[in-house]
Amino acid sequence: MSKHNDDGTLKNGTKVTVRNGDVVKAMRRLKKIVQTEKIVQEFREREQFTKPSLKKARARASAIKRWKKQLSKMDR
């Protein structure tokens, strides 16, 4: 996770404001933001080191899976 944006400016962090005391809605927005920014996924990836060869193998396997899924959709 980088401390800088793409344009080189420093990130301030993710913020969600609670309006009218509606904490439930604010939590839903926070969860959605965290999911779209893939923050949790990045933390899970960084928990332990994965070799570049394993990363490449996983990427290749997921590409094959996506391709097979696309082919099966086309056959229908």
PDB file of N, CA and C in Angstrom:
ATOM      1  N   MET A   1       0.854  -1.168   0.000  1.00  0.00           N
ATOM      2  CA  MET A   1       0.000   0.000   0.000  1.00  0.00           C
ATOM      3  C   MET A   1       0.901   1.232   0.000  1.00  0.00           C
ATOM      4  N   SER A   2       0.712   2.049  -0.974  1.00  0.00           N
ATOM      5  CA  SER A   2       1.552   3.219  -1.145  1.00  0.00           C
ATOM      6  C   SER A   2       1.040   4.383  -0.304  1.00  0.00           C
ATOM      7  N   LYS A   3       1.963   5.225   0.141  1.00  0.00           N
ATOM      8  CA  LYS A   3       1.590   6.406   0.915  1.00  0.00           C
ATOM      9  C   LYS A   3       1.267   7.580   0.003  1.00  0.00           C
ATOM     10  N   HIS A   4       1.482   7.413  -1.317  1.00  0.00           N
ATOM     11  CA  HIS A   4       1.271   8.494  -2.255  1.00  0.00           C
ATOM     12  C   HIS A   4       0.232   8.105  -3.303  1.00  0.00           C
ATOM     13  N   ASN A   5      -0.490   9.094  -3.795  1.00  0.00           N
ATOM     14  CA  ASN A   5      -1.428   8.898  -4.888  1.00  0.00           C
ATOM     15  C   ASN A   5      -0.664   8.745  -6.190  1.00  0.00           C
ATOM     16  N   ASP A   6      -1.373   8.475  -7.285  1.00  0.00           N
ATOM     17  CA  ASP A   6      -0.733   8.331  -8.587  1.00  0.00           C
ATOM     18  C   ASP A   6      -0.069   9.620  -9.050  1.00  0.00           C
ATOM     19  N   ASP A   7      -0.624  10.763  -8.646  1.00  0.00           N
ATOM     20  CA  ASP A   7      -0.055  12.037  -9.075  1.00  0.00           C
ATOM     21  C   ASP A   7       1.074  12.517  -8.164  1.00  0.00           C
ATOM     22  N   GLY A   8       1.465  11.709  -7.167  1.00  0.00           N
ATOM     23  CA  GLY A   8       2.583  12.046  -6.308  1.00  0.00           C
ATOM     24  C   GLY A   8       2.202  12.740  -5.013  1.00  0.00           C
ATOM     25  N   THR A   9       0.942  13.117  -4.839  1.00  0.00           N
ATOM     26  CA  THR A   9       0.532  13.769  -3.603  1.00  0.00           C
ATOM     27  C   THR A   9       0.364  12.736  -2.496  1.00  0.00           C
ATOM     28  N   LEU A  10       0.483  13.189  -1.273  1.00  0.00           N
ATOM     29  CA  LEU A  10       0.397  12.313  -0.116  1.00  0.00           C
ATOM     30  C   LEU A  10      -1.051  11.976   0.189  1.00  0.00           C
ATOM     31  N   LYS A  11      -1.332  10.696   0.458  1.00  0.00           N
ATOM     32  CA  LYS A  11      -2.690  10.275   0.806  1.00  0.00           C
ATOM     33  C   LYS A  11      -3.014  10.694   2.232  1.00  0.00           C
ATOM     34  N   ASN A  12      -4.253  11.054   2.480  1.00  0.00           N
ATOM     35  CA  ASN A  12      -4.687  11.417   3.819  1.00  0.00           C
ATOM     36  C   ASN A  12      -5.348  10.255   4.536  1.00  0.00           C
ATOM     37  N   GLY A  13      -5.675   9.200   3.845  1.00  0.00           N
ATOM     38  CA  GLY A  13      -6.345   8.066   4.453  1.00  0.00           C
ATOM     39  C   GLY A  13      -7.804   8.018   4.049  1.00  0.00           C
ATOM     40  N   THR A  14      -8.448   6.944   4.421  1.00  0.00           N
ATOM     41  CA  THR A  14      -9.850   6.751   4.087  1.00  0.00           C
ATOM     42  C   THR A  14     -10.706   7.310   5.205  1.00  0.00           C
ATOM     43  N   LYS A  15     -11.650   8.158   4.841  1.00  0.00           N
ATOM     44  CA  LYS A  15     -12.505   8.785   5.839  1.00  0.00           C
ATOM     45  C   LYS A  15     -13.963   8.590   5.462  1.00  0.00           C
ATOM     46  N   VAL A  16     -14.789   8.354   6.467  1.00  0.00           N
ATOM     47  CA  VAL A  16     -16.236   8.270   6.285  1.00  0.00           C
ATOM     48  C   VAL A  16     -16.866   9.117   7.377  1.00  0.00           C
ATOM     49  N   THR A  17     -17.717  10.036   6.977  1.00  0.00           N
ATOM     50  CA  THR A  17     -18.371  10.889   7.967  1.00  0.00           C
ATOM     51  C   THR A  17     -19.717  10.281   8.354  1.00  0.00           C
ATOM     52  N   VAL A  18     -20.026  10.359   9.639  1.00  0.00           N
ATOM     53  CA  VAL A  18     -21.302   9.872  10.155  1.00  0.00           C
ATOM     54  C   VAL A  18     -22.274  11.036  10.137  1.00  0.00           C
ATOM     55  N   ARG A  19     -23.362  10.874   9.398  1.00  0.00           N
ATOM     56  CA  ARG A  19     -24.354  11.945   9.279  1.00  0.00           C
ATOM     57  C   ARG A  19     -25.596  11.588  10.089  1.00  0.00           C
ATOM     58  N   ASN A  20     -26.060  12.529  10.854  1.00  0.00           N
ATOM     59  CA  ASN A  20     -27.280  12.379  11.651  1.00  0.00           C
ATOM     60  C   ASN A  20     -27.239  11.165  12.573  1.00  0.00           C
ATOM     61  N   GLY A  21     -26.062  10.811  13.041  1.00  0.00           N
ATOM     62  CA  GLY A  21     -25.929   9.701  13.980  1.00  0.00           C
ATOM     63  C   GLY A  21     -26.198   8.334  13.364  1.00  0.00           C
ATOM     64  N   ASP A  22     -26.193   8.216  12.042  1.00  0.00           N
ATOM     65  CA  ASP A  22     -26.473   6.950  11.372  1.00  0.00           C
ATOM     66  C   ASP A  22     -25.173   6.173  11.187  1.00  0.00           C
ATOM     67  N   VAL A  23     -24.763   5.467  12.235  1.00  0.00           N
ATOM     68  CA  VAL A  23     -23.499   4.743  12.235  1.00  0.00           C
ATOM     69  C   VAL A  23     -23.567   3.523  11.321  1.00  0.00           C
ATOM     70  N   VAL A  24     -24.727   2.891  11.238  1.00  0.00           N
ATOM     71  CA  VAL A  24     -24.873   1.684  10.414  1.00  0.00           C
ATOM     72  C   VAL A  24     -24.611   2.009   8.947  1.00  0.00           C
ATOM     73  N   LYS A  25     -25.167   3.115   8.481  1.00  0.00           N
ATOM     74  CA  LYS A  25     -24.964   3.519   7.091  1.00  0.00           C
ATOM     75  C   LYS A  25     -23.491   3.874   6.842  1.00  0.00           C
ATOM     76  N   ALA A  26     -22.868   4.528   7.809  1.00  0.00           N
ATOM     77  CA  ALA A  26     -21.454   4.879   7.686  1.00  0.00           C
ATOM     78  C   ALA A  26     -20.586   3.625   7.632  1.00  0.00           C
ATOM     79  N   MET A  27     -20.940   2.612   8.416  1.00  0.00           N
ATOM     80  CA  MET A  27     -20.180   1.352   8.386  1.00  0.00           C
ATOM     81  C   MET A  27     -20.320   0.662   7.032  1.00  0.00           C
ATOM     82  N   ARG A  28     -21.531   0.692   6.476  1.00  0.00           N
ATOM     83  CA  ARG A  28     -21.737   0.097   5.154  1.00  0.00           C
ATOM     84  C   ARG A  28     -20.896   0.811   4.106  1.00  0.00           C
ATOM     85  N   ARG A  29     -20.861   2.133   4.185  1.00  0.00           N
ATOM     86  CA  ARG A  29     -20.044   2.902   3.230  1.00  0.00           C
ATOM     87  C   ARG A  29     -18.565   2.589   3.399  1.00  0.00           C
ATOM     88  N   LEU A  30     -18.110   2.488   4.664  1.00  0.00           N
ATOM     89  CA  LEU A  30     -16.704   2.173   4.925  1.00  0.00           C
ATOM     90  C   LEU A  30     -16.349   0.793   4.373  1.00  0.00           C
ATOM     91  N   LYS A  31     -17.202  -0.184   4.607  1.00  0.00           N
ATOM     92  CA  LYS A  31     -16.951  -1.533   4.090  1.00  0.00           C
ATOM     93  C   LYS A  31     -16.869  -1.532   2.571  1.00  0.00           C
ATOM     94  N   LYS A  32     -17.748  -0.767   1.925  1.00  0.00           N
ATOM     95  CA  LYS A  32     -17.746  -0.694   0.474  1.00  0.00           C
ATOM     96  C   LYS A  32     -16.468  -0.031  -0.038  1.00  0.00           C
ATOM     97  N   ILE A  33     -16.047   1.038   0.619  1.00  0.00           N
ATOM     98  CA  ILE A  33     -14.818   1.729   0.225  1.00  0.00           C
ATOM     99  C   ILE A  33     -13.612   0.815   0.386  1.00  0.00           C
ATOM    100  N   VAL A  34     -13.543   0.123   1.524  1.00  0.00           N
ATOM    101  CA  VAL A  34     -12.424  -0.791   1.788  1.00  0.00           C
ATOM    102  C   VAL A  34     -12.399  -1.907   0.753  1.00  0.00           C
ATOM    103  N   GLN A  35     -13.582  -2.383   0.366  1.00  0.00           N
ATOM    104  CA  GLN A  35     -13.656  -3.456  -0.615  1.00  0.00           C
ATOM    105  C   GLN A  35     -13.216  -2.971  -1.992  1.00  0.00           C
ATOM    106  N   THR A  36     -13.640  -1.781  -2.397  1.00  0.00           N
ATOM    107  CA  THR A  36     -13.272  -1.284  -3.717  1.00  0.00           C
ATOM    108  C   THR A  36     -11.790  -0.922  -3.796  1.00  0.00           C
ATOM    109  N   GLU A  37     -11.218  -0.455  -2.694  1.00  0.00           N
ATOM    110  CA  GLU A  37      -9.797  -0.113  -2.693  1.00  0.00           C
ATOM    111  C   GLU A  37      -8.916  -1.335  -2.461  1.00  0.00           C
ATOM    112  N   LYS A  38      -9.530  -2.487  -2.195  1.00  0.00           N
ATOM    113  CA  LYS A  38      -8.833  -3.763  -1.993  1.00  0.00           C
ATOM    114  C   LYS A  38      -7.815  -3.685  -0.862  1.00  0.00           C
ATOM    115  N   ILE A  39      -8.168  -3.007   0.205  1.00  0.00           N
ATOM    116  CA  ILE A  39      -7.262  -2.848   1.340  1.00  0.00           C
ATOM    117  C   ILE A  39      -7.072  -4.159   2.073  1.00  0.00           C
ATOM    118  N   VAL A  40      -8.175  -4.856   2.357  1.00  0.00           N
ATOM    119  CA  VAL A  40      -8.098  -6.114   3.101  1.00  0.00           C
ATOM    120  C   VAL A  40      -7.342  -7.156   2.292  1.00  0.00           C
ATOM    121  N   GLN A  41      -7.597  -7.206   0.980  1.00  0.00           N
ATOM    122  CA  GLN A  41      -6.914  -8.164   0.120  1.00  0.00           C
ATOM    123  C   GLN A  41      -5.402  -7.925   0.136  1.00  0.00           C
ATOM    124  N   GLU A  42      -5.004  -6.672   0.130  1.00  0.00           N
ATOM    125  CA  GLU A  42      -3.579  -6.358   0.142  1.00  0.00           C
ATOM    126  C   GLU A  42      -2.932  -6.753   1.470  1.00  0.00           C
ATOM    127  N   PHE A  43      -3.638  -6.539   2.589  1.00  0.00           N
ATOM    128  CA  PHE A  43      -3.102  -6.959   3.880  1.00  0.00           C
ATOM    129  C   PHE A  43      -2.919  -8.464   3.929  1.00  0.00           C
ATOM    130  N   ARG A  44      -3.883  -9.197   3.396  1.00  0.00           N
ATOM    131  CA  ARG A  44      -3.779 -10.662   3.385  1.00  0.00           C
ATOM    132  C   ARG A  44      -2.613 -11.118   2.532  1.00  0.00           C
ATOM    133  N   GLU A  45      -2.389 -10.449   1.407  1.00  0.00           N
ATOM    134  CA  GLU A  45      -1.273 -10.800   0.541  1.00  0.00           C
ATOM    135  C   GLU A  45       0.068 -10.516   1.223  1.00  0.00           C
ATOM    136  N   ARG A  46       0.122  -9.471   2.029  1.00  0.00           N
ATOM    137  CA  ARG A  46       1.378  -9.075   2.657  1.00  0.00           C
ATOM    138  C   ARG A  46       1.664  -9.794   3.975  1.00  0.00           C
ATOM    139  N   GLU A  47       0.747 -10.650   4.432  1.00  0.00           N
ATOM    140  CA  GLU A  47       0.972 -11.364   5.685  1.00  0.00           C
ATOM    141  C   GLU A  47       2.203 -12.255   5.611  1.00  0.00           C
ATOM    142  N   GLN A  48       2.410 -12.849   4.435  1.00  0.00           N
ATOM    143  CA  GLN A  48       3.599 -13.678   4.271  1.00  0.00           C
ATOM    144  C   GLN A  48       4.143 -13.475   2.861  1.00  0.00           C
ATOM    145  N   PHE A  49       5.417 -13.728   2.716  1.00  0.00           N
ATOM    146  CA  PHE A  49       6.082 -13.523   1.437  1.00  0.00           C
ATOM    147  C   PHE A  49       5.714 -14.632   0.469  1.00  0.00           C
ATOM    148  N   THR A  50       5.384 -14.248  -0.762  1.00  0.00           N
ATOM    149  CA  THR A  50       5.169 -15.242  -1.811  1.00  0.00           C
ATOM    150  C   THR A  50       6.206 -15.010  -2.899  1.00  0.00           C
ATOM    151  N   LYS A  51       6.781 -16.106  -3.334  1.00  0.00           N
ATOM    152  CA  LYS A  51       7.822 -16.029  -4.347  1.00  0.00           C
ATOM    153  C   LYS A  51       7.235 -15.526  -5.661  1.00  0.00           C
ATOM    154  N   PRO A  52       8.028 -14.801  -6.435  1.00  0.00           N
ATOM    155  CA  PRO A  52       7.531 -14.300  -7.718  1.00  0.00           C
ATOM    156  C   PRO A  52       7.046 -15.421  -8.643  1.00  0.00           C
ATOM    157  N   SER A  53       7.689 -16.573  -8.575  1.00  0.00           N
ATOM    158  CA  SER A  53       7.258 -17.681  -9.436  1.00  0.00           C
ATOM    159  C   SER A  53       5.863 -18.163  -9.044  1.00  0.00           C
ATOM    160  N   LEU A  54       5.543 -18.141  -7.739  1.00  0.00           N
ATOM    161  CA  LEU A  54       4.206 -18.541  -7.301  1.00  0.00           C
ATOM    162  C   LEU A  54       3.164 -17.500  -7.700  1.00  0.00           C
ATOM    163  N   LYS A  55       3.537 -16.230  -7.627  1.00  0.00           N
ATOM    164  CA  LYS A  55       2.621 -15.174  -8.063  1.00  0.00           C
ATOM    165  C   LYS A  55       2.295 -15.347  -9.543  1.00  0.00           C
ATOM    166  N   LYS A  56       3.335 -15.619 -10.331  1.00  0.00           N
ATOM    167  CA  LYS A  56       3.153 -15.795 -11.764  1.00  0.00           C
ATOM    168  C   LYS A  56       2.285 -17.012 -12.053  1.00  0.00           C
ATOM    169  N   ALA A  57       2.503 -18.096 -11.314  1.00  0.00           N
ATOM    170  CA  ALA A  57       1.720 -19.313 -11.513  1.00  0.00           C
ATOM    171  C   ALA A  57       0.255 -19.079 -11.151  1.00  0.00           C
ATOM    172  N   ARG A  58       0.001 -18.348 -10.055  1.00  0.00           N
ATOM    173  CA  ARG A  58      -1.382 -18.038  -9.670  1.00  0.00           C
ATOM    174  C   ARG A  58      -2.053 -17.161 -10.719  1.00  0.00           C
ATOM    175  N   ALA A  59      -1.321 -16.180 -11.222  1.00  0.00           N
ATOM    176  CA  ALA A  59      -1.878 -15.290 -12.241  1.00  0.00           C
ATOM    177  C   ALA A  59      -2.208 -16.080 -13.505  1.00  0.00           C
ATOM    178  N   ARG A  60      -1.327 -16.980 -13.890  1.00  0.00           N
ATOM    179  CA  ARG A  60      -1.552 -17.803 -15.077  1.00  0.00           C
ATOM    180  C   ARG A  60      -2.769 -18.704 -14.877  1.00  0.00           C
ATOM    181  N   ALA A  61      -2.881 -19.310 -13.693  1.00  0.00           N
ATOM    182  CA  ALA A  61      -4.008 -20.197 -13.401  1.00  0.00           C
ATOM    183  C   ALA A  61      -5.327 -19.426 -13.421  1.00  0.00           C
ATOM    184  N   SER A  62      -5.334 -18.222 -12.867  1.00  0.00           N
ATOM    185  CA  SER A  62      -6.575 -17.431 -12.858  1.00  0.00           C
ATOM    186  C   SER A  62      -6.930 -16.980 -14.276  1.00  0.00           C
ATOM    187  N   ALA A  63      -5.931 -16.698 -15.101  1.00  0.00           N
ATOM    188  CA  ALA A  63      -6.193 -16.320 -16.489  1.00  0.00           C
ATOM    189  C   ALA A  63      -6.809 -17.490 -17.249  1.00  0.00           C
ATOM    190  N   ILE A  64      -6.299 -18.690 -17.022  1.00  0.00           N
ATOM    191  CA  ILE A  64      -6.854 -19.883 -17.666  1.00  0.00           C
ATOM    192  C   ILE A  64      -8.287 -20.103 -17.208  1.00  0.00           C
ATOM    193  N   LYS A  65      -8.524 -19.912 -15.918  1.00  0.00           N
ATOM    194  CA  LYS A  65      -9.877 -20.081 -15.374  1.00  0.00           C
ATOM    195  C   LYS A  65     -10.844 -19.065 -15.984  1.00  0.00           C
ATOM    196  N   ARG A  66     -10.402 -17.809 -16.097  1.00  0.00           N
ATOM    197  CA  ARG A  66     -11.242 -16.782 -16.717  1.00  0.00           C
ATOM    198  C   ARG A  66     -11.543 -17.133 -18.179  1.00  0.00           C
ATOM    199  N   TRP A  67     -10.527 -17.618 -18.901  1.00  0.00           N
ATOM    200  CA  TRP A  67     -10.692 -17.960 -20.303  1.00  0.00           C
ATOM    201  C   TRP A  67     -11.682 -19.114 -20.468  1.00  0.00           C
ATOM    202  N   LYS A  68     -11.557 -20.146 -19.627  1.00  0.00           N
ATOM    203  CA  LYS A  68     -12.480 -21.280 -19.699  1.00  0.00           C
ATOM    204  C   LYS A  68     -13.902 -20.849 -19.364  1.00  0.00           C
ATOM    205  N   LYS A  69     -14.051 -19.952 -18.411  1.00  0.00           N
ATOM    206  CA  LYS A  69     -15.370 -19.444 -18.045  1.00  0.00           C
ATOM    207  C   LYS A  69     -15.976 -18.671 -19.217  1.00  0.00           C
ATOM    208  N   GLN A  70     -15.161 -17.874 -19.886  1.00  0.00           N
ATOM    209  CA  GLN A  70     -15.633 -17.108 -21.032  1.00  0.00           C
ATOM    210  C   GLN A  70     -16.039 -18.039 -22.168  1.00  0.00           C
ATOM    211  N   LEU A  71     -15.264 -19.108 -22.397  1.00  0.00           N
ATOM    212  CA  LEU A  71     -15.600 -20.063 -23.443  1.00  0.00           C
ATOM    213  C   LEU A  71     -16.900 -20.785 -23.145  1.00  0.00           C
ATOM    214  N   SER A  72     -17.114 -21.127 -21.865  1.00  0.00           N
ATOM    215  CA  SER A  72     -18.346 -21.824 -21.515  1.00  0.00           C
ATOM    216  C   SER A  72     -19.562 -20.910 -21.672  1.00  0.00           C
ATOM    217  N   LYS A  73     -19.395 -19.619 -21.438  1.00  0.00           N
ATOM    218  CA  LYS A  73     -20.492 -18.676 -21.634  1.00  0.00           C
ATOM    219  C   LYS A  73     -20.819 -18.535 -23.120  1.00  0.00           C
ATOM    220  N   MET A  74     -19.800 -18.596 -23.962  1.00  0.00           N
ATOM    221  CA  MET A  74     -19.998 -18.455 -25.396  1.00  0.00           C
ATOM    222  C   MET A  74     -20.700 -19.690 -25.980  1.00  0.00           C
ATOM    223  N   ASP A  75     -20.489 -20.861 -25.393  1.00  0.00           N
ATOM    224  CA  ASP A  75     -21.089 -22.092 -25.899  1.00  0.00           C
ATOM    225  C   ASP A  75     -22.579 -22.171 -25.614  1.00  0.00           C
ATOM    226  N   ARG A  76     -23.047 -21.449 -24.653  1.00  0.00           N
ATOM    227  CA  ARG A  76     -24.480 -21.518 -24.260  1.00  0.00           C
ATOM    228  C   ARG A  76     -25.378 -20.937 -25.266  1.00  0.00           C
TER     229      ARG A  76
END
